[in-house]
PDB file of N, CA and C in Angstrom:
ATOM      1  N   MET A   1      77.489 101.035  73.241  1.00  0.00           N
ATOM      2  CA  MET A   1      77.146 100.082  74.256  1.00  0.00           C
ATOM      3  C   MET A   1      75.721 100.342  74.707  1.00  0.00           C
ATOM      4  N   GLY A   2      74.908  99.335  74.684  1.00  0.00           N
ATOM      5  CA  GLY A   2      73.502  99.496  75.011  1.00  0.00           C
ATOM      6  C   GLY A   2      73.235  99.480  76.503  1.00  0.00           C
ATOM      7  N   HIS A   3      71.974  99.481  76.835  1.00  0.00           N
ATOM      8  CA  HIS A   3      71.550  99.456  78.234  1.00  0.00           C
ATOM      9  C   HIS A   3      71.745  98.056  78.812  1.00  0.00           C
ATOM     10  N   ARG A   4      72.261  97.983  80.035  1.00  0.00           N
ATOM     11  CA  ARG A   4      72.471  96.694  80.687  1.00  0.00           C
ATOM     12  C   ARG A   4      71.272  96.367  81.562  1.00  0.00           C
ATOM     13  N   LYS A   5      70.943  95.092  81.610  1.00  0.00           N
ATOM     14  CA  LYS A   5      69.821  94.667  82.440  1.00  0.00           C
ATOM     15  C   LYS A   5      70.224  94.476  83.894  1.00  0.00           C
ATOM     16  N   ARG A   6      71.517  94.261  84.140  1.00  0.00           N
ATOM     17  CA  ARG A   6      71.998  94.053  85.501  1.00  0.00           C
ATOM     18  C   ARG A   6      73.130  95.025  85.802  1.00  0.00           C
ATOM     19  N   SER A   7      73.336  95.261  87.092  1.00  0.00           N
ATOM     20  CA  SER A   7      74.453  96.122  87.477  1.00  0.00           C
ATOM     21  C   SER A   7      75.744  95.314  87.432  1.00  0.00           C
ATOM     22  N   GLN A   8      76.859  96.002  87.393  1.00  0.00           N
ATOM     23  CA  GLN A   8      78.152  95.331  87.346  1.00  0.00           C
ATOM     24  C   GLN A   8      79.162  96.135  88.145  1.00  0.00           C
ATOM     25  N   PRO A   9      80.299  95.534  88.497  1.00  0.00           N
ATOM     26  CA  PRO A   9      81.320  96.259  89.247  1.00  0.00           C
ATOM     27  C   PRO A   9      81.931  97.393  88.424  1.00  0.00           C
ATOM     28  N   ARG A  10      82.540  98.318  89.128  1.00  0.00           N
ATOM     29  CA  ARG A  10      83.192  99.447  88.478  1.00  0.00           C
ATOM     30  C   ARG A  10      84.389  98.978  87.662  1.00  0.00           C
ATOM     31  N   ARG A  11      84.636  99.583  86.527  1.00  0.00           N
ATOM     32  CA  ARG A  11      85.792  99.245  85.697  1.00  0.00           C
ATOM     33  C   ARG A  11      86.870 100.289  85.922  1.00  0.00           C
ATOM     34  N   GLY A  12      87.781 100.000  86.808  1.00  0.00           N
ATOM     35  CA  GLY A  12      88.867 100.929  87.085  1.00  0.00           C
ATOM     36  C   GLY A  12      88.710 101.585  88.441  1.00  0.00           C
ATOM     37  N   SER A  13      89.819 102.131  88.902  1.00  0.00           N
ATOM     38  CA  SER A  13      89.858 102.749  90.217  1.00  0.00           C
ATOM     39  C   SER A  13      89.500 104.222  90.124  1.00  0.00           C
ATOM     40  N   LEU A  14      88.855 104.737  91.148  1.00  0.00           N
ATOM     41  CA  LEU A  14      88.565 106.164  91.213  1.00  0.00           C
ATOM     42  C   LEU A  14      89.793 106.973  91.602  1.00  0.00           C
ATOM     43  N   ALA A  15      90.860 106.300  92.021  1.00  0.00           N
ATOM     44  CA  ALA A  15      92.080 107.013  92.385  1.00  0.00           C
ATOM     45  C   ALA A  15      92.743 107.630  91.165  1.00  0.00           C
ATOM     46  N   TYR A  16      92.467 107.091  89.980  1.00  0.00           N
ATOM     47  CA  TYR A  16      93.069 107.603  88.757  1.00  0.00           C
ATOM     48  C   TYR A  16      92.033 108.368  87.944  1.00  0.00           C
ATOM     49  N   SER A  17      91.235 109.141  88.600  1.00  0.00           N
ATOM     50  CA  SER A  17      90.178 109.876  87.928  1.00  0.00           C
ATOM     51  C   SER A  17      90.588 111.336  87.781  1.00  0.00           C
ATOM     52  N   PRO A  18      90.357 112.010  86.700  1.00  0.00           N
ATOM     53  CA  PRO A  18      89.766 111.522  85.466  1.00  0.00           C
ATOM     54  C   PRO A  18      90.783 110.755  84.627  1.00  0.00           C
ATOM     55  N   ARG A  19      90.305 109.713  83.954  1.00  0.00           N
ATOM     56  CA  ARG A  19      91.194 108.899  83.132  1.00  0.00           C
ATOM     57  C   ARG A  19      91.280 109.535  81.750  1.00  0.00           C
ATOM     58  N   ILE A  20      92.348 110.267  81.514  1.00  0.00           N
ATOM     59  CA  ILE A  20      92.528 110.963  80.238  1.00  0.00           C
ATOM     60  C   ILE A  20      93.903 110.650  79.689  1.00  0.00           C
ATOM     61  N   ARG A  21      94.083 110.888  78.402  1.00  0.00           N
ATOM     62  CA  ARG A  21      95.371 110.662  77.751  1.00  0.00           C
ATOM     63  C   ARG A  21      96.348 111.762  78.156  1.00  0.00           C
ATOM     64  N   ALA A  22      97.614 111.393  78.312  1.00  0.00           N
ATOM     65  CA  ALA A  22      98.642 112.359  78.681  1.00  0.00           C
ATOM     66  C   ALA A  22      98.881 113.333  77.532  1.00  0.00           C
ATOM     67  N   LYS A  23      99.283 114.560  77.862  1.00  0.00           N
ATOM     68  CA  LYS A  23      99.559 115.560  76.837  1.00  0.00           C
ATOM     69  C   LYS A  23     100.825 115.238  76.060  1.00  0.00           C
ATOM     70  N   SER A  24     101.814 114.639  76.735  1.00  0.00           N
ATOM     71  CA  SER A  24     103.098 114.382  76.096  1.00  0.00           C
ATOM     72  C   SER A  24     103.666 113.073  76.616  1.00  0.00           C
ATOM     73  N   MET A  25     104.464 112.397  75.787  1.00  0.00           N
ATOM     74  CA  MET A  25     105.128 111.168  76.211  1.00  0.00           C
ATOM     75  C   MET A  25     106.295 111.466  77.148  1.00  0.00           C
ATOM     76  N   GLU A  26     106.859 112.677  77.050  1.00  0.00           N
ATOM     77  CA  GLU A  26     108.006 113.048  77.871  1.00  0.00           C
ATOM     78  C   GLU A  26     107.523 113.685  79.176  1.00  0.00           C
ATOM     79  N   ALA A  27     108.138 113.276  80.258  1.00  0.00           N
ATOM     80  CA  ALA A  27     107.835 113.899  81.547  1.00  0.00           C
ATOM     81  C   ALA A  27     108.622 115.196  81.668  1.00  0.00           C
ATOM     82  N   ARG A  28     108.214 116.054  82.565  1.00  0.00           N
ATOM     83  CA  ARG A  28     108.938 117.306  82.760  1.00  0.00           C
ATOM     84  C   ARG A  28     109.319 117.452  84.227  1.00  0.00           C
ATOM     85  N   VAL A  29     110.407 118.152  84.460  1.00  0.00           N
ATOM     86  CA  VAL A  29     110.884 118.409  85.815  1.00  0.00           C
ATOM     87  C   VAL A  29     110.231 119.695  86.278  1.00  0.00           C
ATOM     88  N   ARG A  30     109.477 119.628  87.347  1.00  0.00           N
ATOM     89  CA  ARG A  30     108.727 120.792  87.809  1.00  0.00           C
ATOM     90  C   ARG A  30     109.425 121.549  88.926  1.00  0.00           C
ATOM     91  N   ALA A  31     110.352 120.918  89.608  1.00  0.00           N
ATOM     92  CA  ALA A  31     111.035 121.569  90.725  1.00  0.00           C
ATOM     93  C   ALA A  31     112.537 121.380  90.562  1.00  0.00           C
ATOM     94  N   TRP A  32     113.281 122.462  90.579  1.00  0.00           N
ATOM     95  CA  TRP A  32     114.730 122.416  90.448  1.00  0.00           C
ATOM     96  C   TRP A  32     115.355 122.818  91.779  1.00  0.00           C
ATOM     97  N   PRO A  33     116.478 122.215  92.147  1.00  0.00           N
ATOM     98  CA  PRO A  33     117.132 122.580  93.403  1.00  0.00           C
ATOM     99  C   PRO A  33     117.801 123.945  93.303  1.00  0.00           C
ATOM    100  N   LYS A  34     118.037 124.561  94.443  1.00  0.00           N
ATOM    101  CA  LYS A  34     118.748 125.838  94.492  1.00  0.00           C
ATOM    102  C   LYS A  34     120.210 125.610  94.123  1.00  0.00           C
ATOM    103  N   VAL A  35     120.763 126.501  93.316  1.00  0.00           N
ATOM    104  CA  VAL A  35     122.142 126.379  92.852  1.00  0.00           C
ATOM    105  C   VAL A  35     123.000 127.389  93.598  1.00  0.00           C
ATOM    106  N   GLU A  36     124.062 126.894  94.223  1.00  0.00           N
ATOM    107  CA  GLU A  36     125.012 127.764  94.908  1.00  0.00           C
ATOM    108  C   GLU A  36     126.352 127.650  94.208  1.00  0.00           C
ATOM    109  N   GLY A  37     126.921 128.779  93.828  1.00  0.00           N
ATOM    110  CA  GLY A  37     128.204 128.763  93.137  1.00  0.00           C
ATOM    111  C   GLY A  37     128.013 128.882  91.632  1.00  0.00           C
ATOM    112  N   ASP A  38     129.161 128.998  90.926  1.00  0.00           N
ATOM    113  CA  ASP A  38     129.122 129.191  89.481  1.00  0.00           C
ATOM    114  C   ASP A  38     129.572 127.977  88.699  1.00  0.00           C
ATOM    115  N   GLU A  39     130.140 126.959  89.358  1.00  0.00           N
ATOM    116  CA  GLU A  39     130.627 125.809  88.599  1.00  0.00           C
ATOM    117  C   GLU A  39     129.446 124.976  88.085  1.00  0.00           C
ATOM    118  N   PRO A  40     129.553 124.432  86.878  1.00  0.00           N
ATOM    119  CA  PRO A  40     128.459 123.610  86.344  1.00  0.00           C
ATOM    120  C   PRO A  40     128.353 122.280  87.081  1.00  0.00           C
ATOM    121  N   ARG A  41     127.144 121.821  87.287  1.00  0.00           N
ATOM    122  CA  ARG A  41     126.917 120.545  87.957  1.00  0.00           C
ATOM    123  C   ARG A  41     125.607 119.946  87.451  1.00  0.00           C
ATOM    124  N   LEU A  42     125.425 118.688  87.701  1.00  0.00           N
ATOM    125  CA  LEU A  42     124.222 117.981  87.288  1.00  0.00           C
ATOM    126  C   LEU A  42     123.101 118.273  88.281  1.00  0.00           C
ATOM    127  N   LEU A  43     122.002 118.848  87.793  1.00  0.00           N
ATOM    128  CA  LEU A  43     120.884 119.196  88.668  1.00  0.00           C
ATOM    129  C   LEU A  43     119.805 118.122  88.682  1.00  0.00           C
ATOM    130  N   ALA A  44     119.620 117.435  87.561  1.00  0.00           N
ATOM    131  CA  ALA A  44     118.593 116.399  87.482  1.00  0.00           C
ATOM    132  C   ALA A  44     119.015 115.377  86.441  1.00  0.00           C
ATOM    133  N   HIS A  45     118.488 114.183  86.568  1.00  0.00           N
ATOM    134  CA  HIS A  45     118.783 113.117  85.607  1.00  0.00           C
ATOM    135  C   HIS A  45     117.474 112.402  85.323  1.00  0.00           C
ATOM    136  N   ALA A  46     116.978 112.564  84.102  1.00  0.00           N
ATOM    137  CA  ALA A  46     115.666 112.019  83.751  1.00  0.00           C
ATOM    138  C   ALA A  46     115.775 110.565  83.314  1.00  0.00           C
ATOM    139  N   GLY A  47     114.754 109.808  83.595  1.00  0.00           N
ATOM    140  CA  GLY A  47     114.670 108.418  83.168  1.00  0.00           C
ATOM    141  C   GLY A  47     113.214 108.010  83.105  1.00  0.00           C
ATOM    142  N   TYR A  48     112.953 106.885  82.479  1.00  0.00           N
ATOM    143  CA  TYR A  48     111.587 106.396  82.406  1.00  0.00           C
ATOM    144  C   TYR A  48     111.559 104.914  82.720  1.00  0.00           C
ATOM    145  N   LYS A  49     110.415 104.438  83.167  1.00  0.00           N
ATOM    146  CA  LYS A  49     110.278 103.034  83.535  1.00  0.00           C
ATOM    147  C   LYS A  49     110.257 102.196  82.272  1.00  0.00           C
ATOM    148  N   ALA A  50     111.218 101.282  82.164  1.00  0.00           N
ATOM    149  CA  ALA A  50     111.337 100.447  80.975  1.00  0.00           C
ATOM    150  C   ALA A  50     110.712  99.076  81.182  1.00  0.00           C
ATOM    151  N   GLY A  51     110.558  98.640  82.414  1.00  0.00           N
ATOM    152  CA  GLY A  51     109.961  97.335  82.648  1.00  0.00           C
ATOM    153  C   GLY A  51     110.140  96.877  84.078  1.00  0.00           C
ATOM    154  N   CYS A  52     109.789  95.619  84.314  1.00  0.00           N
ATOM    155  CA  CYS A  52     109.898  95.011  85.637  1.00  0.00           C
ATOM    156  C   CYS A  52     110.679  93.710  85.532  1.00  0.00           C
ATOM    157  N   VAL A  53     111.341  93.352  86.608  1.00  0.00           N
ATOM    158  CA  VAL A  53     112.074  92.095  86.669  1.00  0.00           C
ATOM    159  C   VAL A  53     111.749  91.412  87.989  1.00  0.00           C
ATOM    160  N   GLN A  54     112.001  90.113  88.038  1.00  0.00           N
ATOM    161  CA  GLN A  54     111.867  89.360  89.275  1.00  0.00           C
ATOM    162  C   GLN A  54     113.260  88.970  89.736  1.00  0.00           C
ATOM    163  N   LEU A  55     113.613  89.361  90.952  1.00  0.00           N
ATOM    164  CA  LEU A  55     114.918  89.074  91.526  1.00  0.00           C
ATOM    165  C   LEU A  55     114.785  87.866  92.443  1.00  0.00           C
ATOM    166  N   VAL A  56     115.614  86.856  92.213  1.00  0.00           N
ATOM    167  CA  VAL A  56     115.579  85.631  93.008  1.00  0.00           C
ATOM    168  C   VAL A  56     116.820  85.607  93.886  1.00  0.00           C
ATOM    169  N   SER A  57     116.632  85.412  95.194  1.00  0.00           N
ATOM    170  CA  SER A  57     117.753  85.381  96.128  1.00  0.00           C
ATOM    171  C   SER A  57     117.462  84.369  97.231  1.00  0.00           C
ATOM    172  N   ILE A  58     118.499  84.034  97.984  1.00  0.00           N
ATOM    173  CA  ILE A  58     118.378  83.150  99.140  1.00  0.00           C
ATOM    174  C   ILE A  58     118.423  84.021 100.392  1.00  0.00           C
ATOM    175  N   ASP A  59     117.470  83.835 101.284  1.00  0.00           N
ATOM    176  CA  ASP A  59     117.406  84.621 102.513  1.00  0.00           C
ATOM    177  C   ASP A  59     118.476  84.130 103.483  1.00  0.00           C
ATOM    178  N   ASP A  60     119.442  85.008 103.809  1.00  0.00           N
ATOM    179  CA  ASP A  60     120.518  84.629 104.726  1.00  0.00           C
ATOM    180  C   ASP A  60     120.366  85.280 106.102  1.00  0.00           C
ATOM    181  N   ARG A  61     119.242  85.941 106.346  1.00  0.00           N
ATOM    182  CA  ARG A  61     119.008  86.558 107.650  1.00  0.00           C
ATOM    183  C   ARG A  61     118.559  85.492 108.643  1.00  0.00           C
ATOM    184  N   GLU A  62     119.232  85.441 109.762  1.00  0.00           N
ATOM    185  CA  GLU A  62     118.855  84.464 110.777  1.00  0.00           C
ATOM    186  C   GLU A  62     117.623  84.954 111.533  1.00  0.00           C
ATOM    187  N   HIS A  63     116.952  84.041 112.187  1.00  0.00           N
ATOM    188  CA  HIS A  63     115.766  84.317 113.012  1.00  0.00           C
ATOM    189  C   HIS A  63     114.609  84.875 112.179  1.00  0.00           C
ATOM    190  N   THR A  64     114.522  84.485 110.922  1.00  0.00           N
ATOM    191  CA  THR A  64     113.366  84.835 110.099  1.00  0.00           C
ATOM    192  C   THR A  64     112.689  83.547 109.653  1.00  0.00           C
ATOM    193  N   PRO A  65     111.403  83.581 109.414  1.00  0.00           N
ATOM    194  CA  PRO A  65     110.715  82.358 108.985  1.00  0.00           C
ATOM    195  C   PRO A  65     111.198  81.829 107.637  1.00  0.00           C
ATOM    196  N   SER A  66     111.764  82.693 106.812  1.00  0.00           N
ATOM    197  CA  SER A  66     112.205  82.265 105.482  1.00  0.00           C
ATOM    198  C   SER A  66     113.719  82.087 105.397  1.00  0.00           C
ATOM    199  N   HIS A  67     114.399  81.847 106.521  1.00  0.00           N
ATOM    200  CA  HIS A  67     115.856  81.701 106.527  1.00  0.00           C
ATOM    201  C   HIS A  67     116.270  80.488 105.694  1.00  0.00           C
ATOM    202  N   GLY A  68     117.184  80.707 104.748  1.00  0.00           N
ATOM    203  CA  GLY A  68     117.683  79.637 103.905  1.00  0.00           C
ATOM    204  C   GLY A  68     116.783  79.284 102.734  1.00  0.00           C
ATOM    205  N   LYS A  69     115.668  79.968 102.595  1.00  0.00           N
ATOM    206  CA  LYS A  69     114.743  79.673 101.508  1.00  0.00           C
ATOM    207  C   LYS A  69     114.915  80.679 100.373  1.00  0.00           C
ATOM    208  N   GLN A  70     114.358  80.327  99.241  1.00  0.00           N
ATOM    209  CA  GLN A  70     114.442  81.178  98.065  1.00  0.00           C
ATOM    210  C   GLN A  70     113.367  82.262  98.139  1.00  0.00           C
ATOM    211  N   LEU A  71     113.774  83.526  97.918  1.00  0.00           N
ATOM    212  CA  LEU A  71     112.853  84.654  97.927  1.00  0.00           C
ATOM    213  C   LEU A  71     112.756  85.235  96.522  1.00  0.00           C
ATOM    214  N   VAL A  72     111.579  85.673  96.146  1.00  0.00           N
ATOM    215  CA  VAL A  72     111.365  86.349  94.866  1.00  0.00           C
ATOM    216  C   VAL A  72     110.907  87.768  95.179  1.00  0.00           C
ATOM    217  N   THR A  73     111.656  88.757  94.682  1.00  0.00           N
ATOM    218  CA  THR A  73     111.372  90.161  94.922  1.00  0.00           C
ATOM    219  C   THR A  73     111.184  90.860  93.582  1.00  0.00           C
ATOM    220  N   LEU A  74     110.311  91.843  93.539  1.00  0.00           N
ATOM    221  CA  LEU A  74     110.101  92.607  92.323  1.00  0.00           C
ATOM    222  C   LEU A  74     111.104  93.750  92.236  1.00  0.00           C
ATOM    223  N   GLY A  75     111.495  94.080  91.018  1.00  0.00           N
ATOM    224  CA  GLY A  75     112.403  95.189  90.771  1.00  0.00           C
ATOM    225  C   GLY A  75     111.951  95.973  89.551  1.00  0.00           C
ATOM    226  N   THR A  76     112.306  97.248  89.505  1.00  0.00           N
ATOM    227  CA  THR A  76     111.938  98.117  88.395  1.00  0.00           C
ATOM    228  C   THR A  76     113.176  98.457  87.586  1.00  0.00           C
ATOM    229  N   VAL A  77     113.057  98.401  86.266  1.00  0.00           N
ATOM    230  CA  VAL A  77     114.147  98.778  85.365  1.00  0.00           C
ATOM    231  C   VAL A  77     113.873 100.195  84.892  1.00  0.00           C
ATOM    232  N   ILE A  78     114.831 101.105  85.137  1.00  0.00           N
ATOM    233  CA  ILE A  78     114.695 102.498  84.722  1.00  0.00           C
ATOM    234  C   ILE A  78     115.735 102.777  83.651  1.00  0.00           C
ATOM    235  N   ALA A  79     115.283 103.205  82.480  1.00  0.00           N
ATOM    236  CA  ALA A  79     116.180 103.515  81.366  1.00  0.00           C
ATOM    237  C   ALA A  79     116.544 104.994  81.423  1.00  0.00           C
ATOM    238  N   THR A  80     117.832 105.286  81.411  1.00  0.00           N
ATOM    239  CA  THR A  80     118.316 106.661  81.454  1.00  0.00           C
ATOM    240  C   THR A  80     119.352 106.867  80.361  1.00  0.00           C
ATOM    241  N   PRO A  81     119.470 108.076  79.824  1.00  0.00           N
ATOM    242  CA  PRO A  81     120.509 108.340  78.836  1.00  0.00           C
ATOM    243  C   PRO A  81     121.873 108.412  79.511  1.00  0.00           C
ATOM    244  N   PRO A  82     122.956 108.199  78.752  1.00  0.00           N
ATOM    245  CA  PRO A  82     124.285 108.288  79.362  1.00  0.00           C
ATOM    246  C   PRO A  82     124.621 109.721  79.774  1.00  0.00           C
ATOM    247  N   ILE A  83     125.375 109.850  80.848  1.00  0.00           N
ATOM    248  CA  ILE A  83     125.810 111.167  81.321  1.00  0.00           C
ATOM    249  C   ILE A  83     127.120 111.511  80.616  1.00  0.00           C
ATOM    250  N   PRO A  84     127.174 112.659  79.912  1.00  0.00           N
ATOM    251  CA  PRO A  84     128.426 113.017  79.199  1.00  0.00           C
ATOM    252  C   PRO A  84     129.533 113.428  80.135  1.00  0.00           C
TER     253      PRO A  84
END
């Protein structure tokens, strides 16, 4: 990319700095809860974000400006493996 004659806006947010590739596709659990007792139990359940959906509903709350109207809300789909 050559020299620009004019300035331009920043490409990307500084909140995600430095922008680098992740080391692994799999996330890791960094904090485990304290275990009391000897019986086996589920300590963590991993999942990853699979996508987004739009949820459509009718607002049934009274005394709101959108009472009786259609509302669109965002939702997240999380994919998890089955628990044995």
